[in-house]
């Protein structure tokens, strides 16, 4: 019986494209964190983080539509909502930034059976 993870779609260059997006995402995260601490433009970092994050999420969802029902996919939706809250409540932006950063680290380094656990 094939596992659900065996049904993931792929395209040539996907791994390198995803690597480039992750690199841009981390750079945007550094820019956003620096700006929230007073050394830069918040909108530049936020834009890079948002665009690269949505692109990675789109690729992951295309490759595995079940991703939306998994802990990792749902976690991305939660992080997007928190980033939206940062825009709505700028006074909360710095604590939300640290929450999103911690959530990201936990979700990306958790064991696979937790990340890919079906929530619904």
PDB file of N, CA and C in Angstrom:
ATOM      1  N   UNK A   1       0.834  -1.178   0.000  1.00  0.00           N
ATOM      2  CA  UNK A   1       0.000   0.000   0.000  1.00  0.00           C
ATOM      3  C   UNK A   1       0.883   1.247   0.000  1.00  0.00           C
ATOM      4  N   UNK A   2       0.744   2.161  -0.995  1.00  0.00           N
ATOM      5  CA  UNK A   2       1.606   3.344  -1.046  1.00  0.00           C
ATOM      6  C   UNK A   2       1.254   4.329   0.064  1.00  0.00           C
ATOM      7  N   UNK A   3       2.284   4.957   0.597  1.00  0.00           N
ATOM      8  CA  UNK A   3       2.081   5.988   1.608  1.00  0.00           C
ATOM      9  C   UNK A   3       1.638   7.277   0.922  1.00  0.00           C
ATOM     10  N   UNK A   4       0.937   8.145   1.659  1.00  0.00           N
ATOM     11  CA  UNK A   4       0.479   9.429   1.111  1.00  0.00           C
ATOM     12  C   UNK A   4       1.662  10.266   0.626  1.00  0.00           C
ATOM     13  N   UNK A   5       2.773  10.229   1.344  1.00  0.00           N
ATOM     14  CA  UNK A   5       3.946  11.027   0.988  1.00  0.00           C
ATOM     15  C   UNK A   5       4.565  10.555  -0.324  1.00  0.00           C
ATOM     16  N   UNK A   6       4.225   9.334  -0.796  1.00  0.00           N
ATOM     17  CA  UNK A   6       4.757   8.830  -2.061  1.00  0.00           C
ATOM     18  C   UNK A   6       4.076   9.481  -3.260  1.00  0.00           C
ATOM     19  N   UNK A   7       2.977  10.198  -3.050  1.00  0.00           N
ATOM     20  CA  UNK A   7       2.197  10.775  -4.143  1.00  0.00           C
ATOM     21  C   UNK A   7       2.525  12.246  -4.388  1.00  0.00           C
ATOM     22  N   UNK A   8       3.677  12.697  -3.946  1.00  0.00           N
ATOM     23  CA  UNK A   8       4.052  14.101  -4.081  1.00  0.00           C
ATOM     24  C   UNK A   8       4.473  14.394  -5.518  1.00  0.00           C
ATOM     25  N   UNK A   9       3.919  15.495  -6.066  1.00  0.00           N
ATOM     26  CA  UNK A   9       4.269  15.906  -7.431  1.00  0.00           C
ATOM     27  C   UNK A   9       5.599  16.659  -7.420  1.00  0.00           C
ATOM     28  N   UNK A  10       6.240  16.679  -8.575  1.00  0.00           N
ATOM     29  CA  UNK A  10       7.554  17.295  -8.690  1.00  0.00           C
ATOM     30  C   UNK A  10       7.668  17.965 -10.057  1.00  0.00           C
ATOM     31  N   UNK A  11       8.647  18.830 -10.215  1.00  0.00           N
ATOM     32  CA  UNK A  11       8.984  19.395 -11.519  1.00  0.00           C
ATOM     33  C   UNK A  11      10.491  19.631 -11.559  1.00  0.00           C
ATOM     34  N   UNK A  12      11.082  19.652 -12.750  1.00  0.00           N
ATOM     35  CA  UNK A  12      12.532  19.841 -12.854  1.00  0.00           C
ATOM     36  C   UNK A  12      12.947  21.176 -12.223  1.00  0.00           C
ATOM     37  N   UNK A  13      13.946  21.121 -11.377  1.00  0.00           N
ATOM     38  CA  UNK A  13      14.455  22.328 -10.734  1.00  0.00           C
ATOM     39  C   UNK A  13      13.692  22.734  -9.475  1.00  0.00           C
ATOM     40  N   UNK A  14      12.706  21.939  -9.067  1.00  0.00           N
ATOM     41  CA  UNK A  14      11.890  22.305  -7.903  1.00  0.00           C
ATOM     42  C   UNK A  14      12.747  22.481  -6.651  1.00  0.00           C
ATOM     43  N   UNK A  15      13.659  21.568  -6.422  1.00  0.00           N
ATOM     44  CA  UNK A  15      14.492  21.647  -5.220  1.00  0.00           C
ATOM     45  C   UNK A  15      15.322  22.926  -5.187  1.00  0.00           C
ATOM     46  N   UNK A  16      15.929  23.298  -6.320  1.00  0.00           N
ATOM     47  CA  UNK A  16      16.755  24.510  -6.368  1.00  0.00           C
ATOM     48  C   UNK A  16      15.898  25.774  -6.291  1.00  0.00           C
ATOM     49  N   UNK A  17      14.722  25.738  -6.897  1.00  0.00           N
ATOM     50  CA  UNK A  17      13.812  26.876  -6.815  1.00  0.00           C
ATOM     51  C   UNK A  17      13.370  27.073  -5.362  1.00  0.00           C
ATOM     52  N   UNK A  18      13.033  25.985  -4.702  1.00  0.00           N
ATOM     53  CA  UNK A  18      12.639  26.055  -3.299  1.00  0.00           C
ATOM     54  C   UNK A  18      13.798  26.544  -2.427  1.00  0.00           C
ATOM     55  N   UNK A  19      15.004  26.105  -2.737  1.00  0.00           N
ATOM     56  CA  UNK A  19      16.182  26.559  -1.997  1.00  0.00           C
ATOM     57  C   UNK A  19      16.377  28.066  -2.167  1.00  0.00           C
ATOM     58  N   UNK A  20      16.198  28.576  -3.381  1.00  0.00           N
ATOM     59  CA  UNK A  20      16.304  30.021  -3.624  1.00  0.00           C
ATOM     60  C   UNK A  20      15.225  30.783  -2.852  1.00  0.00           C
ATOM     61  N   UNK A  21      14.007  30.243  -2.838  1.00  0.00           N
ATOM     62  CA  UNK A  21      12.923  30.887  -2.084  1.00  0.00           C
ATOM     63  C   UNK A  21      13.217  30.879  -0.581  1.00  0.00           C
ATOM     64  N   UNK A  22      13.743  29.788  -0.068  1.00  0.00           N
ATOM     65  CA  UNK A  22      14.072  29.711   1.360  1.00  0.00           C
ATOM     66  C   UNK A  22      15.164  30.707   1.719  1.00  0.00           C
ATOM     67  N   UNK A  23      16.140  30.860   0.844  1.00  0.00           N
ATOM     68  CA  UNK A  23      17.219  31.820   1.071  1.00  0.00           C
ATOM     69  C   UNK A  23      16.663  33.242   1.112  1.00  0.00           C
ATOM     70  N   UNK A  24      15.805  33.575   0.155  1.00  0.00           N
ATOM     71  CA  UNK A  24      15.171  34.904   0.143  1.00  0.00           C
ATOM     72  C   UNK A  24      14.308  35.084   1.392  1.00  0.00           C
ATOM     73  N   UNK A  25      13.612  34.022   1.792  1.00  0.00           N
ATOM     74  CA  UNK A  25      12.743  34.077   2.963  1.00  0.00           C
ATOM     75  C   UNK A  25      13.551  34.383   4.232  1.00  0.00           C
ATOM     76  N   UNK A  26      14.675  33.707   4.395  1.00  0.00           N
ATOM     77  CA  UNK A  26      15.533  33.962   5.552  1.00  0.00           C
ATOM     78  C   UNK A  26      16.110  35.369   5.525  1.00  0.00           C
ATOM     79  N   UNK A  27      16.508  35.844   4.350  1.00  0.00           N
ATOM     80  CA  UNK A  27      17.016  37.213   4.228  1.00  0.00           C
ATOM     81  C   UNK A  27      15.919  38.214   4.598  1.00  0.00           C
ATOM     82  N   UNK A  28      14.708  37.977   4.130  1.00  0.00           N
ATOM     83  CA  UNK A  28      13.593  38.850   4.477  1.00  0.00           C
ATOM     84  C   UNK A  28      13.302  38.825   5.962  1.00  0.00           C
ATOM     85  N   UNK A  29      13.436  37.660   6.575  1.00  0.00           N
ATOM     86  CA  UNK A  29      13.210  37.525   8.011  1.00  0.00           C
ATOM     87  C   UNK A  29      14.232  38.344   8.795  1.00  0.00           C
ATOM     88  N   UNK A  30      15.476  38.305   8.369  1.00  0.00           N
ATOM     89  CA  UNK A  30      16.525  39.108   9.011  1.00  0.00           C
ATOM     90  C   UNK A  30      16.222  40.595   8.829  1.00  0.00           C
ATOM     91  N   UNK A  31      15.846  40.993   7.614  1.00  0.00           N
ATOM     92  CA  UNK A  31      15.498  42.399   7.366  1.00  0.00           C
ATOM     93  C   UNK A  31      14.312  42.838   8.224  1.00  0.00           C
ATOM     94  N   UNK A  32      13.302  41.988   8.333  1.00  0.00           N
ATOM     95  CA  UNK A  32      12.120  42.313   9.127  1.00  0.00           C
ATOM     96  C   UNK A  32      12.476  42.420  10.605  1.00  0.00           C
ATOM     97  N   UNK A  33      13.238  41.466  11.113  1.00  0.00           N
ATOM     98  CA  UNK A  33      13.650  41.512  12.517  1.00  0.00           C
ATOM     99  C   UNK A  33      14.476  42.757  12.815  1.00  0.00           C
ATOM    100  N   UNK A  34      15.403  43.084  11.929  1.00  0.00           N
ATOM    101  CA  UNK A  34      16.224  44.283  12.123  1.00  0.00           C
ATOM    102  C   UNK A  34      15.350  45.537  12.111  1.00  0.00           C
ATOM    103  N   UNK A  35      14.394  45.585  11.205  1.00  0.00           N
ATOM    104  CA  UNK A  35      13.508  46.744  11.126  1.00  0.00           C
ATOM    105  C   UNK A  35      12.645  46.877  12.382  1.00  0.00           C
ATOM    106  N   UNK A  36      12.165  45.757  12.892  1.00  0.00           N
ATOM    107  CA  UNK A  36      11.357  45.803  14.115  1.00  0.00           C
ATOM    108  C   UNK A  36      12.174  46.255  15.317  1.00  0.00           C
ATOM    109  N   UNK A  37      13.486  46.071  15.251  1.00  0.00           N
ATOM    110  CA  UNK A  37      14.367  46.537  16.321  1.00  0.00           C
ATOM    111  C   UNK A  37      14.903  47.938  16.040  1.00  0.00           C
ATOM    112  N   UNK A  38      14.422  48.559  14.949  1.00  0.00           N
ATOM    113  CA  UNK A  38      14.755  49.956  14.676  1.00  0.00           C
ATOM    114  C   UNK A  38      15.837  50.198  13.650  1.00  0.00           C
ATOM    115  N   UNK A  39      16.229  49.186  12.894  1.00  0.00           N
ATOM    116  CA  UNK A  39      17.325  49.363  11.934  1.00  0.00           C
ATOM    117  C   UNK A  39      16.890  48.978  10.530  1.00  0.00           C
ATOM    118  N   UNK A  40      15.910  49.668   9.987  1.00  0.00           N
ATOM    119  CA  UNK A  40      15.512  49.373   8.621  1.00  0.00           C
ATOM    120  C   UNK A  40      14.045  49.621   8.376  1.00  0.00           C
ATOM    121  N   UNK A  41      13.624  49.207   7.195  1.00  0.00           N
ATOM    122  CA  UNK A  41      12.261  49.428   6.739  1.00  0.00           C
ATOM    123  C   UNK A  41      11.440  48.149   6.925  1.00  0.00           C
ATOM    124  N   UNK A  42      10.405  48.224   7.752  1.00  0.00           N
ATOM    125  CA  UNK A  42       9.571  47.056   8.040  1.00  0.00           C
ATOM    126  C   UNK A  42       8.915  46.520   6.771  1.00  0.00           C
ATOM    127  N   UNK A  43       8.432  47.408   5.905  1.00  0.00           N
ATOM    128  CA  UNK A  43       7.695  46.939   4.728  1.00  0.00           C
ATOM    129  C   UNK A  43       8.581  46.156   3.762  1.00  0.00           C
ATOM    130  N   UNK A  44       9.861  46.490   3.660  1.00  0.00           N
ATOM    131  CA  UNK A  44      10.763  45.736   2.775  1.00  0.00           C
ATOM    132  C   UNK A  44      10.917  44.300   3.266  1.00  0.00           C
ATOM    133  N   UNK A  45      11.271  44.139   4.528  1.00  0.00           N
ATOM    134  CA  UNK A  45      11.429  42.799   5.079  1.00  0.00           C
ATOM    135  C   UNK A  45      10.133  42.016   5.049  1.00  0.00           C
ATOM    136  N   UNK A  46       9.030  42.674   5.410  1.00  0.00           N
ATOM    137  CA  UNK A  46       7.732  42.000   5.427  1.00  0.00           C
ATOM    138  C   UNK A  46       7.336  41.551   4.027  1.00  0.00           C
ATOM    139  N   UNK A  47       7.611  42.373   3.034  1.00  0.00           N
ATOM    140  CA  UNK A  47       7.267  42.024   1.654  1.00  0.00           C
ATOM    141  C   UNK A  47       8.048  40.806   1.179  1.00  0.00           C
ATOM    142  N   UNK A  48       9.345  40.789   1.454  1.00  0.00           N
ATOM    143  CA  UNK A  48      10.180  39.656   1.038  1.00  0.00           C
ATOM    144  C   UNK A  48       9.729  38.389   1.754  1.00  0.00           C
ATOM    145  N   UNK A  49       9.464  38.484   3.057  1.00  0.00           N
ATOM    146  CA  UNK A  49       9.012  37.321   3.827  1.00  0.00           C
ATOM    147  C   UNK A  49       7.672  36.827   3.287  1.00  0.00           C
ATOM    148  N   UNK A  50       6.745  37.741   3.061  1.00  0.00           N
ATOM    149  CA  UNK A  50       5.407  37.357   2.619  1.00  0.00           C
ATOM    150  C   UNK A  50       5.436  36.714   1.234  1.00  0.00           C
ATOM    151  N   UNK A  51       6.090  37.361   0.278  1.00  0.00           N
ATOM    152  CA  UNK A  51       6.106  36.853  -1.104  1.00  0.00           C
ATOM    153  C   UNK A  51       6.814  35.496  -1.187  1.00  0.00           C
ATOM    154  N   UNK A  52       7.971  35.374  -0.561  1.00  0.00           N
ATOM    155  CA  UNK A  52       8.690  34.097  -0.613  1.00  0.00           C
ATOM    156  C   UNK A  52       7.934  33.022   0.161  1.00  0.00           C
ATOM    157  N   UNK A  53       7.308  33.382   1.275  1.00  0.00           N
ATOM    158  CA  UNK A  53       6.538  32.418   2.054  1.00  0.00           C
ATOM    159  C   UNK A  53       5.327  31.898   1.310  1.00  0.00           C
ATOM    160  N   UNK A  54       4.595  32.809   0.665  1.00  0.00           N
ATOM    161  CA  UNK A  54       3.428  32.384  -0.113  1.00  0.00           C
ATOM    162  C   UNK A  54       3.864  31.509  -1.285  1.00  0.00           C
ATOM    163  N   UNK A  55       4.980  31.858  -1.921  1.00  0.00           N
ATOM    164  CA  UNK A  55       5.471  31.044  -3.050  1.00  0.00           C
ATOM    165  C   UNK A  55       5.852  29.637  -2.587  1.00  0.00           C
ATOM    166  N   UNK A  56       6.540  29.533  -1.452  1.00  0.00           N
ATOM    167  CA  UNK A  56       6.900  28.201  -0.938  1.00  0.00           C
ATOM    168  C   UNK A  56       5.648  27.417  -0.552  1.00  0.00           C
ATOM    169  N   UNK A  57       4.686  28.086   0.059  1.00  0.00           N
ATOM    170  CA  UNK A  57       3.443  27.425   0.454  1.00  0.00           C
ATOM    171  C   UNK A  57       2.679  26.943  -0.777  1.00  0.00           C
ATOM    172  N   UNK A  58       2.662  27.754  -1.833  1.00  0.00           N
ATOM    173  CA  UNK A  58       1.975  27.365  -3.069  1.00  0.00           C
ATOM    174  C   UNK A  58       2.626  26.127  -3.685  1.00  0.00           C
ATOM    175  N   UNK A  59       3.948  26.089  -3.715  1.00  0.00           N
ATOM    176  CA  UNK A  59       4.653  24.926  -4.269  1.00  0.00           C
ATOM    177  C   UNK A  59       4.373  23.685  -3.423  1.00  0.00           C
ATOM    178  N   UNK A  60       4.450  23.839  -2.102  1.00  0.00           N
ATOM    179  CA  UNK A  60       4.195  22.695  -1.215  1.00  0.00           C
ATOM    180  C   UNK A  60       2.773  22.178  -1.373  1.00  0.00           C
ATOM    181  N   UNK A  61       1.815  23.094  -1.509  1.00  0.00           N
ATOM    182  CA  UNK A  61       0.412  22.691  -1.656  1.00  0.00           C
ATOM    183  C   UNK A  61       0.162  22.064  -3.018  1.00  0.00           C
ATOM    184  N   UNK A  62       0.789  22.589  -4.056  1.00  0.00           N
ATOM    185  CA  UNK A  62       0.661  21.984  -5.389  1.00  0.00           C
ATOM    186  C   UNK A  62       1.268  20.581  -5.380  1.00  0.00           C
ATOM    187  N   UNK A  63       2.454  20.460  -4.791  1.00  0.00           N
ATOM    188  CA  UNK A  63       3.147  19.171  -4.779  1.00  0.00           C
ATOM    189  C   UNK A  63       2.383  18.129  -3.965  1.00  0.00           C
ATOM    190  N   UNK A  64       1.723  18.575  -2.904  1.00  0.00           N
ATOM    191  CA  UNK A  64       1.001  17.656  -2.031  1.00  0.00           C
ATOM    192  C   UNK A  64      -0.238  18.374  -1.501  1.00  0.00           C
ATOM    193  N   UNK A  65      -1.382  18.279  -2.208  1.00  0.00           N
ATOM    194  CA  UNK A  65      -2.589  18.971  -1.754  1.00  0.00           C
ATOM    195  C   UNK A  65      -3.004  18.612  -0.322  1.00  0.00           C
ATOM    196  N   UNK A  66      -2.611  17.443   0.165  1.00  0.00           N
ATOM    197  CA  UNK A  66      -2.924  17.052   1.543  1.00  0.00           C
ATOM    198  C   UNK A  66      -2.158  17.903   2.562  1.00  0.00           C
ATOM    199  N   UNK A  67      -1.167  18.661   2.083  1.00  0.00           N
ATOM    200  CA  UNK A  67      -0.357  19.528   2.948  1.00  0.00           C
ATOM    201  C   UNK A  67      -1.229  20.475   3.774  1.00  0.00           C
ATOM    202  N   UNK A  68      -2.337  20.926   3.206  1.00  0.00           N
ATOM    203  CA  UNK A  68      -3.226  21.847   3.921  1.00  0.00           C
ATOM    204  C   UNK A  68      -3.852  21.219   5.156  1.00  0.00           C
ATOM    205  N   UNK A  69      -4.000  19.898   5.151  1.00  0.00           N
ATOM    206  CA  UNK A  69      -4.612  19.200   6.284  1.00  0.00           C
ATOM    207  C   UNK A  69      -3.578  18.727   7.302  1.00  0.00           C
ATOM    208  N   UNK A  70      -2.303  18.894   6.990  1.00  0.00           N
ATOM    209  CA  UNK A  70      -1.243  18.441   7.878  1.00  0.00           C
ATOM    210  C   UNK A  70      -0.847  19.549   8.860  1.00  0.00           C
ATOM    211  N   UNK A  71      -0.203  19.162   9.939  1.00  0.00           N
ATOM    212  CA  UNK A  71       0.241  20.127  10.947  1.00  0.00           C
ATOM    213  C   UNK A  71       1.091  21.226  10.319  1.00  0.00           C
ATOM    214  N   UNK A  72       2.021  20.851   9.461  1.00  0.00           N
ATOM    215  CA  UNK A  72       2.909  21.836   8.850  1.00  0.00           C
ATOM    216  C   UNK A  72       2.150  22.828   7.973  1.00  0.00           C
ATOM    217  N   UNK A  73       1.234  22.352   7.155  1.00  0.00           N
ATOM    218  CA  UNK A  73       0.455  23.237   6.296  1.00  0.00           C
ATOM    219  C   UNK A  73      -0.454  24.152   7.079  1.00  0.00           C
ATOM    220  N   UNK A  74      -1.107  23.602   8.095  1.00  0.00           N
ATOM    221  CA  UNK A  74      -1.968  24.413   8.947  1.00  0.00           C
ATOM    222  C   UNK A  74      -1.135  25.450   9.700  1.00  0.00           C
ATOM    223  N   UNK A  75       0.087  25.056  10.074  1.00  0.00           N
ATOM    224  CA  UNK A  75       0.993  25.995  10.742  1.00  0.00           C
ATOM    225  C   UNK A  75       1.328  27.183   9.867  1.00  0.00           C
ATOM    226  N   UNK A  76       1.481  26.963   8.567  1.00  0.00           N
ATOM    227  CA  UNK A  76       1.747  28.078   7.642  1.00  0.00           C
ATOM    228  C   UNK A  76       0.555  29.026   7.622  1.00  0.00           C
ATOM    229  N   UNK A  77      -0.648  28.473   7.574  1.00  0.00           N
ATOM    230  CA  UNK A  77      -1.840  29.325   7.592  1.00  0.00           C
ATOM    231  C   UNK A  77      -1.900  30.143   8.888  1.00  0.00           C
ATOM    232  N   UNK A  78      -1.544  29.526  10.005  1.00  0.00           N
ATOM    233  CA  UNK A  78      -1.514  30.225  11.285  1.00  0.00           C
ATOM    234  C   UNK A  78      -0.483  31.354  11.256  1.00  0.00           C
ATOM    235  N   UNK A  79       0.695  31.068  10.700  1.00  0.00           N
ATOM    236  CA  UNK A  79       1.740  32.096  10.622  1.00  0.00           C
ATOM    237  C   UNK A  79       1.300  33.259   9.724  1.00  0.00           C
ATOM    238  N   UNK A  80       0.619  32.956   8.613  1.00  0.00           N
ATOM    239  CA  UNK A  80       0.112  34.027   7.756  1.00  0.00           C
ATOM    240  C   UNK A  80      -0.898  34.900   8.505  1.00  0.00           C
ATOM    241  N   UNK A  81      -1.758  34.273   9.293  1.00  0.00           N
ATOM    242  CA  UNK A  81      -2.730  35.036  10.093  1.00  0.00           C
ATOM    243  C   UNK A  81      -2.007  35.919  11.114  1.00  0.00           C
ATOM    244  N   UNK A  82      -0.966  35.383  11.724  1.00  0.00           N
ATOM    245  CA  UNK A  82      -0.208  36.181  12.693  1.00  0.00           C
ATOM    246  C   UNK A  82       0.505  37.348  12.025  1.00  0.00           C
ATOM    247  N   UNK A  83       1.032  37.141  10.831  1.00  0.00           N
ATOM    248  CA  UNK A  83       1.669  38.241  10.096  1.00  0.00           C
ATOM    249  C   UNK A  83       0.620  39.299   9.752  1.00  0.00           C
ATOM    250  N   UNK A  84      -0.583  38.865   9.392  1.00  0.00           N
ATOM    251  CA  UNK A  84      -1.667  39.818   9.161  1.00  0.00           C
ATOM    252  C   UNK A  84      -1.990  40.604  10.420  1.00  0.00           C
ATOM    253  N   UNK A  85      -1.956  39.938  11.564  1.00  0.00           N
ATOM    254  CA  UNK A  85      -2.197  40.613  12.835  1.00  0.00           C
ATOM    255  C   UNK A  85      -1.111  41.645  13.116  1.00  0.00           C
ATOM    256  N   UNK A  86       0.113  41.350  12.696  1.00  0.00           N
ATOM    257  CA  UNK A  86       1.199  42.329  12.843  1.00  0.00           C
ATOM    258  C   UNK A  86       0.863  43.614  12.097  1.00  0.00           C
ATOM    259  N   UNK A  87       0.280  43.456  10.914  1.00  0.00           N
ATOM    260  CA  UNK A  87      -0.081  44.637  10.114  1.00  0.00           C
ATOM    261  C   UNK A  87      -1.233  45.405  10.757  1.00  0.00           C
ATOM    262  N   UNK A  88      -2.178  44.668  11.366  1.00  0.00           N
ATOM    263  CA  UNK A  88      -3.339  45.314  11.990  1.00  0.00           C
ATOM    264  C   UNK A  88      -3.014  45.932  13.348  1.00  0.00           C
ATOM    265  N   UNK A  89      -2.086  45.340  14.059  1.00  0.00           N
ATOM    266  CA  UNK A  89      -1.697  45.811  15.391  1.00  0.00           C
ATOM    267  C   UNK A  89      -0.177  46.005  15.445  1.00  0.00           C
ATOM    268  N   UNK A  90       0.335  47.084  14.851  1.00  0.00           N
ATOM    269  CA  UNK A  90       1.789  47.292  14.829  1.00  0.00           C
ATOM    270  C   UNK A  90       2.442  47.282  16.212  1.00  0.00           C
ATOM    271  N   UNK A  91       1.714  47.663  17.249  1.00  0.00           N
ATOM    272  CA  UNK A  91       2.303  47.654  18.588  1.00  0.00           C
ATOM    273  C   UNK A  91       2.589  46.229  19.071  1.00  0.00           C
ATOM    274  N   UNK A  92       1.952  45.240  18.480  1.00  0.00           N
ATOM    275  CA  UNK A  92       2.178  43.834  18.831  1.00  0.00           C
ATOM    276  C   UNK A  92       3.193  43.162  17.905  1.00  0.00           C
ATOM    277  N   UNK A  93       3.706  43.906  16.922  1.00  0.00           N
ATOM    278  CA  UNK A  93       4.525  43.298  15.868  1.00  0.00           C
ATOM    279  C   UNK A  93       5.751  42.562  16.399  1.00  0.00           C
ATOM    280  N   UNK A  94       6.480  43.152  17.345  1.00  0.00           N
ATOM    281  CA  UNK A  94       7.709  42.502  17.819  1.00  0.00           C
ATOM    282  C   UNK A  94       7.425  41.190  18.559  1.00  0.00           C
ATOM    283  N   UNK A  95       6.484  41.145  19.513  1.00  0.00           N
ATOM    284  CA  UNK A  95       6.213  39.842  20.134  1.00  0.00           C
ATOM    285  C   UNK A  95       5.650  38.814  19.144  1.00  0.00           C
ATOM    286  N   UNK A  96       4.837  39.265  18.194  1.00  0.00           N
ATOM    287  CA  UNK A  96       4.310  38.333  17.188  1.00  0.00           C
ATOM    288  C   UNK A  96       5.437  37.804  16.314  1.00  0.00           C
ATOM    289  N   UNK A  97       6.379  38.674  15.968  1.00  0.00           N
ATOM    290  CA  UNK A  97       7.546  38.260  15.182  1.00  0.00           C
ATOM    291  C   UNK A  97       8.255  37.099  15.873  1.00  0.00           C
ATOM    292  N   UNK A  98       8.524  37.235  17.181  1.00  0.00           N
ATOM    293  CA  UNK A  98       9.230  36.189  17.924  1.00  0.00           C
ATOM    294  C   UNK A  98       8.385  34.924  18.025  1.00  0.00           C
ATOM    295  N   UNK A  99       7.071  35.076  18.154  1.00  0.00           N
ATOM    296  CA  UNK A  99       6.181  33.910  18.182  1.00  0.00           C
ATOM    297  C   UNK A  99       6.228  33.164  16.851  1.00  0.00           C
ATOM    298  N   UNK A 100       6.154  33.905  15.754  1.00  0.00           N
ATOM    299  CA  UNK A 100       6.199  33.290  14.424  1.00  0.00           C
ATOM    300  C   UNK A 100       7.559  32.621  14.197  1.00  0.00           C
ATOM    301  N   UNK A 101       8.626  33.277  14.636  1.00  0.00           N
ATOM    302  CA  UNK A 101       9.961  32.694  14.490  1.00  0.00           C
ATOM    303  C   UNK A 101      10.070  31.373  15.264  1.00  0.00           C
ATOM    304  N   UNK A 102       9.597  31.355  16.505  1.00  0.00           N
ATOM    305  CA  UNK A 102       9.639  30.132  17.310  1.00  0.00           C
ATOM    306  C   UNK A 102       8.753  29.051  16.701  1.00  0.00           C
ATOM    307  N   UNK A 103       7.562  29.422  16.269  1.00  0.00           N
ATOM    308  CA  UNK A 103       6.654  28.463  15.639  1.00  0.00           C
ATOM    309  C   UNK A 103       7.280  27.872  14.378  1.00  0.00           C
ATOM    310  N   UNK A 104       7.940  28.709  13.603  1.00  0.00           N
ATOM    311  CA  UNK A 104       8.605  28.244  12.376  1.00  0.00           C
ATOM    312  C   UNK A 104       9.701  27.236  12.684  1.00  0.00           C
ATOM    313  N   UNK A 105      10.525  27.543  13.667  1.00  0.00           N
ATOM    314  CA  UNK A 105      11.607  26.628  14.034  1.00  0.00           C
ATOM    315  C   UNK A 105      11.049  25.299  14.534  1.00  0.00           C
ATOM    316  N   UNK A 106      10.022  25.366  15.369  1.00  0.00           N
ATOM    317  CA  UNK A 106       9.435  24.134  15.894  1.00  0.00           C
ATOM    318  C   UNK A 106       8.822  23.283  14.785  1.00  0.00           C
ATOM    319  N   UNK A 107       8.067  23.921  13.899  1.00  0.00           N
ATOM    320  CA  UNK A 107       7.415  23.148  12.835  1.00  0.00           C
ATOM    321  C   UNK A 107       8.405  22.594  11.817  1.00  0.00           C
ATOM    322  N   UNK A 108       9.443  23.350  11.508  1.00  0.00           N
ATOM    323  CA  UNK A 108      10.369  22.880  10.476  1.00  0.00           C
ATOM    324  C   UNK A 108      11.340  21.820  10.989  1.00  0.00           C
ATOM    325  N   UNK A 109      11.547  21.756  12.306  1.00  0.00           N
ATOM    326  CA  UNK A 109      12.503  20.785  12.847  1.00  0.00           C
ATOM    327  C   UNK A 109      11.846  19.689  13.674  1.00  0.00           C
ATOM    328  N   UNK A 110      10.524  19.683  13.721  1.00  0.00           N
ATOM    329  CA  UNK A 110       9.810  18.613  14.423  1.00  0.00           C
ATOM    330  C   UNK A 110       9.936  17.315  13.627  1.00  0.00           C
ATOM    331  N   UNK A 111       9.752  16.184  14.278  1.00  0.00           N
ATOM    332  CA  UNK A 111       9.797  14.908  13.553  1.00  0.00           C
ATOM    333  C   UNK A 111       8.739  14.870  12.446  1.00  0.00           C
ATOM    334  N   UNK A 112       9.036  14.145  11.388  1.00  0.00           N
ATOM    335  CA  UNK A 112       8.144  14.057  10.237  1.00  0.00           C
ATOM    336  C   UNK A 112       6.747  13.570  10.581  1.00  0.00           C
ATOM    337  N   UNK A 113       6.657  12.628  11.525  1.00  0.00           N
ATOM    338  CA  UNK A 113       5.326  12.128  11.863  1.00  0.00           C
ATOM    339  C   UNK A 113       4.472  13.200  12.541  1.00  0.00           C
ATOM    340  N   UNK A 114       5.086  14.210  13.159  1.00  0.00           N
ATOM    341  CA  UNK A 114       4.334  15.335  13.720  1.00  0.00           C
ATOM    342  C   UNK A 114       3.989  16.343  12.619  1.00  0.00           C
ATOM    343  N   UNK A 115       4.985  16.705  11.801  1.00  0.00           N
ATOM    344  CA  UNK A 115       4.761  17.696  10.735  1.00  0.00           C
ATOM    345  C   UNK A 115       3.704  17.237   9.746  1.00  0.00           C
ATOM    346  N   UNK A 116       3.685  15.949   9.428  1.00  0.00           N
ATOM    347  CA  UNK A 116       2.779  15.427   8.408  1.00  0.00           C
ATOM    348  C   UNK A 116       1.541  14.760   9.000  1.00  0.00           C
ATOM    349  N   UNK A 117       1.328  14.937  10.293  1.00  0.00           N
ATOM    350  CA  UNK A 117       0.138  14.389  10.945  1.00  0.00           C
ATOM    351  C   UNK A 117      -1.109  15.069  10.374  1.00  0.00           C
ATOM    352  N   UNK A 118      -2.109  14.287  10.005  1.00  0.00           N
ATOM    353  CA  UNK A 118      -3.369  14.810   9.463  1.00  0.00           C
ATOM    354  C   UNK A 118      -4.216  15.359  10.603  1.00  0.00           C
ATOM    355  N   UNK A 119      -4.520  16.648  10.552  1.00  0.00           N
ATOM    356  CA  UNK A 119      -5.350  17.295  11.579  1.00  0.00           C
ATOM    357  C   UNK A 119      -6.825  17.039  11.345  1.00  0.00           C
ATOM    358  N   UNK A 120      -7.213  16.994  10.086  1.00  0.00           N
ATOM    359  CA  UNK A 120      -8.614  16.772   9.728  1.00  0.00           C
ATOM    360  C   UNK A 120      -8.686  16.212   8.325  1.00  0.00           C
TER     361      UNK A 120
END
